[in-house]
Amino acid sequence: MLSKELKGRYKIIRELGAGGFGKTYIAEDTHRPGLPLCVVKQLMPISKDLEFLQMARRLFKMEAEILEKLGHHEQIPQLLAYFEEHEEFYLVEEFIEGDCFKDTLFIDNCLPEVEVIHLLKDILKVLIFIHEQCVIHRDIKPSNIIKRKKDGRFVLIDFGAVKQIQPHVLREQGNVALTTLTIAIGTTEYAPLEQLAGQPRLNSDIYSLGIVAIQALTGLLPSKLKRDPHNGVLLWLHLIQVRKELADIISRMTHPTFEQRYQSAIAVLKDLESLPDDTPLDTLNTVTFLPQTEVTGVTSPSQNYAQIEEILREFVGAISPILLQKYVKQVASAEELIEKLLPYISQKQRSEFQRMAVASLQKPPVSKPVIKPSASGSKLVDSKSQTIDENFLRRCEQELTDLIGPIGILLVQKAVKSHPQFSRVEIVEFLAAEIPNSHKAAKFRQRLLS
């Protein structure tokens, strides 16, 4: 299949995955400038029987029509084409460049509340849209969520398990219960009981998303969580500290009885929007940066705040000054500031951050270590004595922004202004030290120095 050109247009370059019904590939669109990438899903009927092929063709066309309708949402991959070739069916979709949420959970284990709230809000907006189109996704799980590289938004993918509901049934029954049984599609760990029984509802998707949120907060697979033997409720609140308002929302999303669950994605989003002291992640990631502006942290009469910022940077990276600026004017003491910052720390690191921050209040402020500059003179040169040009600095900005957000641009400006004599190796090491995730820091070094 590799290098094959489908429909005289889509050149297969690598396989993404395979399942019981077909395979998925990355392809180049040879009819468009720049050969942009796209995703090709090959659906292979298990039988060549004429009657079976006719049924498969009809279902394939129905699925393509649903995907075409749904693809007009900015957080759903757009359907680019669909066609039949040699009694096999192909869907061509927009390629979303970014990180699979499943991989994010594998690397970071568990996430802080602010990131989980960002995830919930993004995907709920998608659910509001598809539910308005009378469609249930039926397979929401970490591997079907991508954090898009260009803007940090979460995108919902893989609509191969969608179920369309007749609008009149939806109007009559509200949160619909299908009048006829359907095939139990979905991933068992993330699917509610009614879906596994072949009777999915709109709020079956809400349940699945809630399970993803619990996994993100606890770092545990759903299969590792226990249930109350009396009512089937998931037992997860004892594993972590999470603010009561958010815990109540997620617990209601994942209630085993659909009548007790949220009945619409709009209702969940409304409750999330009303959470106190909630700073959406996209607010943190869309700070306007001015040229030649330097990150100086929080200036406060109390040097305690500067020490807290240094500790906070170890846990959340370059957004620490932004978080300090948000709360420093709202609190009366350093102890209160520490409490305000706790929701931004991942659950497993929260106690350690609190211990270090409180201990710092008893000590004199510690000066930040200074990286010794190279002795190569006042020009910015690399290890091979070549002048570092603007192209290299732009590469640094782009790579750092990909890993930690728009503040990467500001950090590069700070490094150049503070240490104009740095070599390429030194400036890369200086910037890598600002990346809290060691895996991402190693990736940054590799991209710039290899």
Protein backbone atom coordinates (compact mmCIF):
# COMPACT_ATOMS: atom_id res chain seq x y z
CA MET A 1 0.00 0.00 0.00
CA LEU A 2 2.91 2.37 0.71
CA SER A 3 3.64 4.79 -2.21
CA LYS A 4 0.32 3.79 -3.82
CA GLU A 5 -1.64 6.73 -5.22
CA LEU A 6 -5.37 6.45 -4.59
CA LYS A 7 -7.79 8.10 -6.97
CA GLY A 8 -4.73 9.42 -8.83
CA ARG A 9 -4.30 11.96 -6.02
CA TYR A 10 -3.64 10.65 -2.50
CA LYS A 11 -0.14 9.17 -2.20
CA ILE A 12 0.22 6.86 0.81
CA ILE A 13 3.40 7.57 2.78
CA ARG A 14 2.94 5.60 6.01
CA GLU A 15 0.50 3.47 7.98
CA LEU A 16 -1.01 4.93 11.14
CA GLY A 17 -2.90 1.94 12.47
CA ALA A 18 -5.07 -1.06 11.72
CA GLY A 19 -8.27 -2.54 13.12
CA GLY A 20 -10.86 -5.15 12.40
CA PHE A 21 -12.58 -3.10 9.69
CA GLY A 22 -9.61 -1.60 7.88
CA LYS A 23 -6.45 0.50 8.09
CA THR A 24 -5.54 4.16 8.48
CA TYR A 25 -2.77 5.91 6.55
CA ILE A 26 -1.02 9.25 6.24
CA ALA A 27 -1.03 10.46 2.64
CA GLU A 28 0.06 13.44 0.56
CA ASP A 29 -2.49 15.31 -1.54
CA THR A 30 -0.60 15.58 -4.82
CA HIS A 31 -3.20 17.93 -6.35
CA ARG A 32 -2.60 20.73 -3.85
CA PRO A 33 0.39 23.08 -3.57
CA GLY A 34 2.93 21.95 -1.00
CA LEU A 35 1.60 18.36 -0.93
CA PRO A 36 -0.31 18.80 2.36
CA LEU A 37 -0.82 15.73 4.51
CA CYS A 38 -4.19 14.07 5.00
CA VAL A 39 -5.55 10.97 6.74
CA VAL A 40 -6.89 8.11 4.61
CA LYS A 41 -9.14 5.54 6.23
CA GLN A 42 -9.49 2.30 4.28
CA LEU A 43 -12.65 0.36 5.11
CA MET A 44 -12.47 -3.25 3.93
CA PRO A 45 -15.73 -5.26 3.88
CA ILE A 46 -15.25 -8.67 5.46
CA SER A 47 -17.26 -10.31 2.67
CA LYS A 48 -17.39 -9.88 -1.11
CA ASP A 49 -20.97 -11.12 -1.22
CA LEU A 50 -23.03 -8.81 -3.47
CA GLU A 51 -25.77 -8.22 -0.90
CA PHE A 52 -23.20 -7.52 1.81
CA LEU A 53 -21.32 -5.08 -0.46
CA GLN A 54 -24.54 -3.20 -1.20
CA MET A 55 -25.26 -2.86 2.50
CA ALA A 56 -21.66 -1.81 3.23
CA ARG A 57 -21.83 0.76 0.42
CA ARG A 58 -25.04 2.23 1.83
CA LEU A 59 -23.65 2.44 5.39
CA PHE A 60 -20.37 3.89 4.10
CA LYS A 61 -22.22 6.63 2.23
CA MET A 62 -24.30 7.40 5.32
CA GLU A 63 -21.20 7.68 7.49
CA ALA A 64 -19.48 9.93 4.94
CA GLU A 65 -22.50 12.24 4.83
CA ILE A 66 -22.52 12.53 8.63
CA LEU A 67 -18.78 13.27 8.70
CA GLU A 68 -19.15 15.87 5.96
CA LYS A 69 -21.81 17.63 8.00
CA LEU A 70 -19.80 17.48 11.22
CA GLY A 71 -16.52 18.58 9.63
CA HIS A 72 -17.60 22.22 9.55
CA HIS A 73 -16.65 22.56 13.22
CA GLU A 74 -13.13 23.87 13.84
CA GLN A 75 -12.39 21.13 16.38
CA ILE A 76 -13.44 18.24 14.14
CA PRO A 77 -11.30 17.05 11.21
CA GLN A 78 -12.87 18.05 7.91
CA LEU A 79 -13.90 15.32 5.48
CA LEU A 80 -12.01 16.04 2.24
CA ALA A 81 -13.22 13.17 0.05
CA TYR A 82 -14.75 9.70 0.03
CA PHE A 83 -14.74 7.13 -2.74
CA GLU A 84 -14.86 3.42 -3.58
CA GLU A 85 -12.02 1.61 -5.32
CA HIS A 86 -11.80 -2.15 -6.03
CA GLU A 87 -14.72 -2.87 -3.69
CA GLU A 88 -12.93 -1.11 -0.82
CA PHE A 89 -14.08 2.20 0.66
CA TYR A 90 -11.94 5.21 1.51
CA LEU A 91 -12.48 8.31 3.64
CA VAL A 92 -10.01 11.18 3.30
CA GLU A 93 -9.87 13.58 6.25
CA GLU A 94 -7.93 16.63 7.33
CA PHE A 95 -4.66 15.82 9.08
CA ILE A 96 -4.46 17.37 12.56
CA GLU A 97 -0.88 18.08 13.57
CA GLY A 98 -0.46 17.82 17.32
CA ASP A 99 -0.06 15.52 20.30
CA CYS A 100 -2.37 12.60 20.99
CA PHE A 101 -3.86 13.06 24.46
CA LYS A 102 -3.12 9.41 25.23
CA ASP A 103 0.60 10.13 24.76
CA THR A 104 0.32 13.23 26.94
CA LEU A 105 -1.10 11.16 29.78
CA PHE A 106 1.66 8.57 29.33
CA ILE A 107 4.39 11.23 29.59
CA ASP A 108 2.91 13.53 32.25
CA ASN A 109 0.95 10.82 34.11
CA CYS A 110 -1.60 13.17 35.63
CA LEU A 111 -2.48 16.76 34.87
CA PRO A 112 -3.32 19.81 36.98
CA GLU A 113 -6.91 20.98 37.27
CA VAL A 114 -6.47 23.93 34.93
CA GLU A 115 -5.42 21.66 32.04
CA VAL A 116 -8.27 19.22 32.69
CA ILE A 117 -10.79 22.08 32.76
CA HIS A 118 -9.37 23.31 29.46
CA LEU A 119 -9.83 19.82 28.00
CA LEU A 120 -13.42 19.54 29.27
CA LYS A 121 -14.47 22.93 27.94
CA ASP A 122 -12.95 22.30 24.52
CA ILE A 123 -14.50 18.86 24.01
CA LEU A 124 -17.86 19.92 25.48
CA LYS A 125 -18.11 22.58 22.79
CA VAL A 126 -17.64 19.83 20.21
CA LEU A 127 -20.31 17.69 21.90
CA ILE A 128 -22.76 20.58 21.93
CA PHE A 129 -22.30 20.87 18.17
CA ILE A 130 -22.58 17.18 17.27
CA HIS A 131 -25.51 16.60 19.63
CA GLU A 132 -27.32 19.48 17.95
CA GLN A 133 -26.80 17.52 14.72
CA CYS A 134 -28.48 14.53 16.42
CA VAL A 135 -25.22 12.56 16.48
CA ILE A 136 -23.56 10.58 19.30
CA HIS A 137 -19.80 10.03 19.04
CA ARG A 138 -19.78 6.80 21.11
CA ASP A 139 -15.99 6.43 21.38
CA ILE A 140 -14.56 9.33 23.38
CA LYS A 141 -11.22 8.29 24.89
CA PRO A 142 -7.68 9.76 25.15
CA SER A 143 -6.51 8.23 21.85
CA ASN A 144 -9.34 10.03 20.02
CA ILE A 145 -8.36 13.46 21.33
CA ILE A 146 -5.54 15.53 19.84
CA LYS A 147 -4.08 18.73 21.24
CA ARG A 148 -3.58 20.76 18.09
CA LYS A 149 -0.07 22.12 17.66
CA LYS A 150 -0.92 25.48 16.13
CA ASP A 151 -3.26 26.78 18.85
CA GLY A 152 -3.33 24.31 21.76
CA ARG A 153 -7.02 23.51 21.23
CA PHE A 154 -8.31 19.98 21.76
CA VAL A 155 -9.74 18.25 18.68
CA LEU A 156 -12.06 15.25 18.71
CA ILE A 157 -11.26 12.66 16.04
CA ASP A 158 -12.38 9.24 14.79
CA PHE A 159 -16.09 9.50 14.11
CA GLY A 160 -16.25 5.97 12.75
CA ALA A 161 -18.53 4.87 15.60
CA VAL A 162 -21.03 7.74 15.33
CA LYS A 163 -24.71 7.03 15.70
CA GLN A 164 -27.25 9.32 14.09
CA ILE A 165 -30.56 9.86 15.86
CA GLN A 166 -33.79 10.78 14.13
CA PRO A 167 -34.66 14.40 15.05
CA HIS A 168 -38.29 13.57 15.86
CA VAL A 169 -37.14 10.94 18.38
CA LEU A 170 -34.84 13.50 19.98
CA ARG A 171 -37.69 16.02 20.29
CA GLU A 172 -40.05 13.47 21.77
CA GLN A 173 -37.70 11.93 24.31
CA GLY A 174 -35.28 14.73 25.21
CA ASN A 175 -32.06 12.96 26.09
CA VAL A 176 -32.81 10.18 23.70
CA ALA A 177 -33.05 6.47 24.39
CA LEU A 178 -32.95 4.67 21.06
CA THR A 179 -36.18 2.80 20.41
CA THR A 180 -34.29 -0.11 18.87
CA LEU A 181 -31.12 -1.79 20.03
CA THR A 182 -27.90 -0.90 18.23
CA ILE A 183 -24.56 -2.64 18.13
CA ALA A 184 -22.61 -1.94 21.34
CA ILE A 185 -19.85 0.21 19.87
CA GLY A 186 -17.17 1.96 21.92
CA THR A 187 -14.30 1.21 24.25
CA THR A 188 -15.50 -0.69 27.31
CA GLU A 189 -13.42 1.24 29.87
CA TYR A 190 -14.92 4.57 28.78
CA ALA A 191 -18.46 3.53 27.82
CA PRO A 192 -21.47 3.72 30.20
CA LEU A 193 -23.73 0.75 30.88
CA GLU A 194 -26.56 1.86 28.58
CA GLN A 195 -24.14 2.15 25.64
CA LEU A 196 -22.66 -1.29 26.33
CA ALA A 197 -26.23 -2.59 26.34
CA GLY A 198 -26.73 -1.16 22.84
CA GLN A 199 -28.85 1.83 23.89
CA PRO A 200 -26.60 4.91 23.72
CA ARG A 201 -27.88 8.35 24.65
CA LEU A 202 -26.54 11.84 24.18
CA ASN A 203 -25.23 11.86 27.73
CA SER A 204 -23.33 8.63 27.07
CA ASP A 205 -20.71 10.92 25.48
CA ILE A 206 -20.73 13.08 28.61
CA TYR A 207 -19.97 9.98 30.72
CA SER A 208 -17.03 9.02 28.50
CA LEU A 209 -15.55 12.52 28.65
CA GLY A 210 -15.87 12.51 32.44
CA ILE A 211 -13.94 9.23 32.62
CA VAL A 212 -11.16 10.81 30.54
CA ALA A 213 -11.07 13.72 33.00
CA ILE A 214 -10.75 11.36 35.97
CA GLN A 215 -7.91 9.53 34.25
CA ALA A 216 -6.15 12.84 33.56
CA LEU A 217 -6.47 13.95 37.19
CA THR A 218 -5.55 10.66 38.87
CA GLY A 219 -3.10 9.18 36.38
CA LEU A 220 -4.99 5.88 36.58
CA LEU A 221 -6.63 3.90 33.80
CA PRO A 222 -10.39 3.50 34.26
CA SER A 223 -9.92 -0.23 34.73
CA LYS A 224 -7.86 0.47 37.87
CA LEU A 225 -10.68 2.38 39.56
CA LYS A 226 -13.09 0.64 41.92
CA ARG A 227 -16.85 1.15 42.15
CA ASP A 228 -19.19 1.36 45.09
CA PRO A 229 -20.75 -2.13 45.27
CA HIS A 230 -24.12 -0.64 46.27
CA ASN A 231 -24.67 2.01 43.58
CA GLY A 232 -21.91 1.50 41.01
CA VAL A 233 -20.46 5.00 41.53
CA LEU A 234 -16.74 5.32 40.69
CA LEU A 235 -14.51 5.69 43.76
CA TRP A 236 -11.81 8.21 42.85
CA LEU A 237 -12.10 11.26 45.12
CA HIS A 238 -10.04 9.61 47.88
CA LEU A 239 -7.08 9.30 45.49
CA ILE A 240 -6.47 13.02 44.95
CA GLN A 241 -7.22 16.48 46.25
CA VAL A 242 -9.51 18.33 43.89
CA ARG A 243 -11.72 21.30 44.61
CA LYS A 244 -15.25 20.29 45.51
CA GLU A 245 -16.97 22.20 42.70
CA LEU A 246 -14.96 20.45 39.98
CA ALA A 247 -15.30 17.07 41.73
CA ASP A 248 -19.08 17.49 41.84
CA ILE A 249 -19.23 18.26 38.12
CA ILE A 250 -17.11 15.27 37.09
CA SER A 251 -18.94 12.93 39.47
CA ARG A 252 -22.27 13.96 37.96
CA MET A 253 -20.86 13.50 34.44
CA THR A 254 -19.87 9.91 35.28
CA HIS A 255 -22.90 8.82 37.27
CA PRO A 256 -23.67 5.19 36.29
CA THR A 257 -27.39 5.93 36.01
CA PHE A 258 -28.11 8.12 32.99
CA GLU A 259 -31.11 9.75 34.71
CA GLN A 260 -28.77 11.10 37.42
CA ARG A 261 -26.17 12.26 34.91
CA TYR A 262 -26.02 15.65 33.17
CA GLN A 263 -28.61 15.62 30.41
CA SER A 264 -26.78 17.96 28.04
CA ALA A 265 -23.26 19.14 27.25
CA ILE A 266 -24.50 22.73 27.52
CA ALA A 267 -25.40 22.17 31.19
CA VAL A 268 -21.92 20.79 31.97
CA LEU A 269 -20.20 23.69 30.22
CA LYS A 270 -22.36 26.20 32.10
CA ASP A 271 -21.32 24.72 35.45
CA LEU A 272 -17.64 24.69 34.42
CA GLU A 273 -17.81 28.32 33.35
CA SER A 274 -19.16 29.26 36.78
CA LEU A 275 -16.27 27.67 38.70
CA PRO A 276 -14.64 30.20 41.06
CA ASP A 277 -11.05 31.32 40.52
CA ASP A 278 -10.82 29.48 37.22
CA THR A 279 -8.31 30.74 34.70
CA PRO A 280 -8.93 28.99 31.35
CA LEU A 281 -5.68 27.67 29.92
CA ASP A 282 -6.25 29.46 26.62
CA THR A 283 -6.13 32.75 28.59
CA LEU A 284 -2.67 31.81 29.84
CA ASN A 285 -1.61 30.82 26.35
CA THR A 286 -2.74 33.94 24.53
CA VAL A 287 -0.83 36.65 26.39
CA THR A 288 0.13 39.50 24.09
CA PHE A 289 3.91 39.90 24.02
CA LEU A 290 5.58 43.15 23.04
CA PRO A 291 9.01 43.26 21.34
CA GLN A 292 12.02 43.59 23.65
CA THR A 293 9.89 42.90 26.75
CA GLU A 294 11.73 40.98 29.44
CA VAL A 295 10.29 38.47 31.91
CA THR A 296 11.06 39.91 35.30
CA GLY A 297 8.61 37.97 37.45
CA VAL A 298 6.54 39.59 40.13
CA THR A 299 7.92 42.71 41.81
CA SER A 300 6.72 42.82 45.38
CA PRO A 301 7.86 44.45 48.60
CA SER A 302 8.05 40.97 50.01
CA GLN A 303 10.94 38.88 48.67
CA ASN A 304 8.90 35.80 49.61
CA TYR A 305 6.95 36.16 46.37
CA ALA A 306 10.14 36.00 44.30
CA GLN A 307 11.15 32.81 46.08
CA ILE A 308 7.72 31.29 45.49
CA GLU A 309 8.02 32.16 41.80
CA GLU A 310 11.33 30.31 41.56
CA ILE A 311 9.77 27.20 43.12
CA LEU A 312 6.62 27.50 41.01
CA ARG A 313 8.74 27.61 37.84
CA GLU A 314 10.11 24.16 38.67
CA PHE A 315 6.59 22.74 38.61
CA VAL A 316 4.75 24.66 35.86
CA GLY A 317 7.55 26.17 33.79
CA ALA A 318 7.45 29.52 32.05
CA ILE A 319 3.86 30.44 32.91
CA SER A 320 4.88 30.98 36.56
CA PRO A 321 5.18 34.81 36.23
CA ILE A 322 1.70 34.96 34.68
CA LEU A 323 0.17 32.98 37.53
CA LEU A 324 1.93 35.13 40.12
CA GLN A 325 0.73 38.33 38.43
CA LYS A 326 -2.83 37.00 38.48
CA TYR A 327 -2.96 36.32 42.21
CA VAL A 328 -0.35 38.52 43.92
CA LYS A 329 -2.74 41.49 44.19
CA GLN A 330 -5.59 39.31 45.45
CA VAL A 331 -3.89 37.84 48.50
CA ALA A 332 -2.92 39.23 51.89
CA SER A 333 -0.05 36.83 52.61
CA ALA A 334 2.42 34.46 51.00
CA GLU A 335 0.61 31.52 52.62
CA GLU A 336 -2.63 32.54 50.90
CA LEU A 337 -0.77 32.89 47.59
CA ILE A 338 0.50 29.32 47.89
CA GLU A 339 -3.06 28.06 48.41
CA LYS A 340 -4.23 29.94 45.30
CA LEU A 341 -1.50 28.30 43.19
CA LEU A 342 -2.18 24.70 44.23
CA PRO A 343 -4.84 23.95 41.54
CA TYR A 344 -2.21 24.65 38.85
CA ILE A 345 0.11 21.91 40.15
CA SER A 346 -0.42 18.28 39.14
CA GLN A 347 -1.94 16.23 41.95
CA LYS A 348 1.12 14.06 42.56
CA GLN A 349 3.40 17.11 42.86
CA ARG A 350 1.04 19.34 44.84
CA SER A 351 2.23 18.28 48.31
CA GLU A 352 5.87 18.69 47.31
CA PHE A 353 5.26 22.18 45.92
CA GLN A 354 3.40 23.21 49.07
CA ARG A 355 6.18 21.84 51.30
CA MET A 356 8.92 23.64 49.34
CA ALA A 357 7.00 26.90 49.10
CA VAL A 358 6.15 27.00 52.81
CA ALA A 359 9.77 26.11 53.72
CA SER A 360 11.02 28.98 51.54
CA LEU A 361 9.15 31.45 53.71
CA GLN A 362 11.49 30.59 56.59
CA LYS A 363 14.66 31.21 54.56
CA PRO A 364 16.32 34.30 53.06
CA PRO A 365 15.75 34.66 49.31
CA VAL A 366 18.01 32.57 47.13
CA SER A 367 19.63 34.19 44.14
CA LYS A 368 18.99 32.53 40.82
CA PRO A 369 22.15 30.85 39.49
CA VAL A 370 23.73 32.64 36.57
CA ILE A 371 24.93 30.64 33.59
CA LYS A 372 28.54 31.50 32.91
CA PRO A 373 28.82 33.13 29.49
CA SER A 374 31.29 31.99 26.89
CA ALA A 375 34.54 33.85 26.58
CA SER A 376 34.25 34.28 22.84
CA GLY A 377 33.68 38.01 22.94
CA SER A 378 30.63 40.21 22.64
CA LYS A 379 29.22 38.65 19.47
CA LEU A 380 26.62 35.94 19.66
CA VAL A 381 28.47 32.91 18.25
CA ASP A 382 27.96 29.17 18.15
CA SER A 383 30.39 26.44 19.12
CA LYS A 384 31.89 26.59 15.62
CA SER A 385 32.51 30.39 15.89
CA GLN A 386 29.74 31.19 13.40
CA THR A 387 27.55 34.21 14.14
CA ILE A 388 24.08 33.22 15.24
CA ASP A 389 21.70 34.80 12.75
CA GLU A 390 18.04 35.69 13.02
CA ASN A 391 17.03 32.38 11.41
CA PHE A 392 18.50 30.40 14.31
CA LEU A 393 16.77 32.62 16.87
CA ARG A 394 13.45 32.21 15.01
CA ARG A 395 13.97 28.45 15.11
CA CYS A 396 14.52 28.66 18.86
CA GLU A 397 11.32 30.68 19.24
CA GLN A 398 9.29 28.29 17.10
CA GLU A 399 10.52 25.11 18.79
CA LEU A 400 10.17 26.54 22.31
CA THR A 401 6.68 27.87 21.54
CA ASP A 402 5.63 24.44 20.29
CA LEU A 403 6.66 22.93 23.62
CA ILE A 404 5.61 25.51 26.25
CA GLY A 405 3.40 28.04 24.46
CA PRO A 406 3.76 31.65 23.27
CA ILE A 407 5.89 32.67 26.24
CA GLY A 408 8.72 30.84 24.44
CA ILE A 409 9.17 33.92 22.20
CA LEU A 410 9.65 36.11 25.24
CA LEU A 411 12.17 33.73 26.81
CA VAL A 412 14.33 33.76 23.68
CA GLN A 413 14.30 37.57 23.71
CA LYS A 414 15.30 37.49 27.37
CA ALA A 415 18.19 35.11 26.69
CA VAL A 416 19.56 37.25 23.85
CA LYS A 417 19.25 40.46 25.84
CA SER A 418 20.76 39.05 29.04
CA HIS A 419 23.52 36.97 27.45
CA PRO A 420 24.46 38.38 24.01
CA GLN A 421 27.75 36.45 24.06
CA PHE A 422 26.15 32.99 24.34
CA SER A 423 27.13 30.27 21.90
CA ARG A 424 24.43 28.18 20.25
CA VAL A 425 24.95 25.38 22.74
CA GLU A 426 24.75 27.79 25.66
CA ILE A 427 21.58 29.52 24.52
CA VAL A 428 19.90 26.18 23.85
CA GLU A 429 20.88 24.92 27.32
CA PHE A 430 19.66 28.17 28.88
CA LEU A 431 16.26 27.81 27.18
CA ALA A 432 16.01 24.07 27.85
CA ALA A 433 16.30 24.83 31.57
CA GLU A 434 13.01 26.76 31.29
CA ILE A 435 11.13 23.61 30.17
CA PRO A 436 9.81 21.78 33.25
CA ASN A 437 9.23 18.47 31.46
CA SER A 438 12.58 16.67 31.02
CA HIS A 439 11.27 14.72 28.01
CA LYS A 440 10.31 17.94 26.23
CA ALA A 441 13.60 19.61 27.23
CA ALA A 442 15.54 16.74 25.64
CA LYS A 443 13.39 17.04 22.51
CA PHE A 444 14.15 20.78 22.34
CA ARG A 445 17.91 20.16 22.56
CA GLN A 446 17.74 17.48 19.90
CA ARG A 447 15.82 19.68 17.47
CA LEU A 448 18.20 22.63 17.79
CA LEU A 449 21.58 20.95 18.15
CA SER A 450 21.32 17.84 15.97
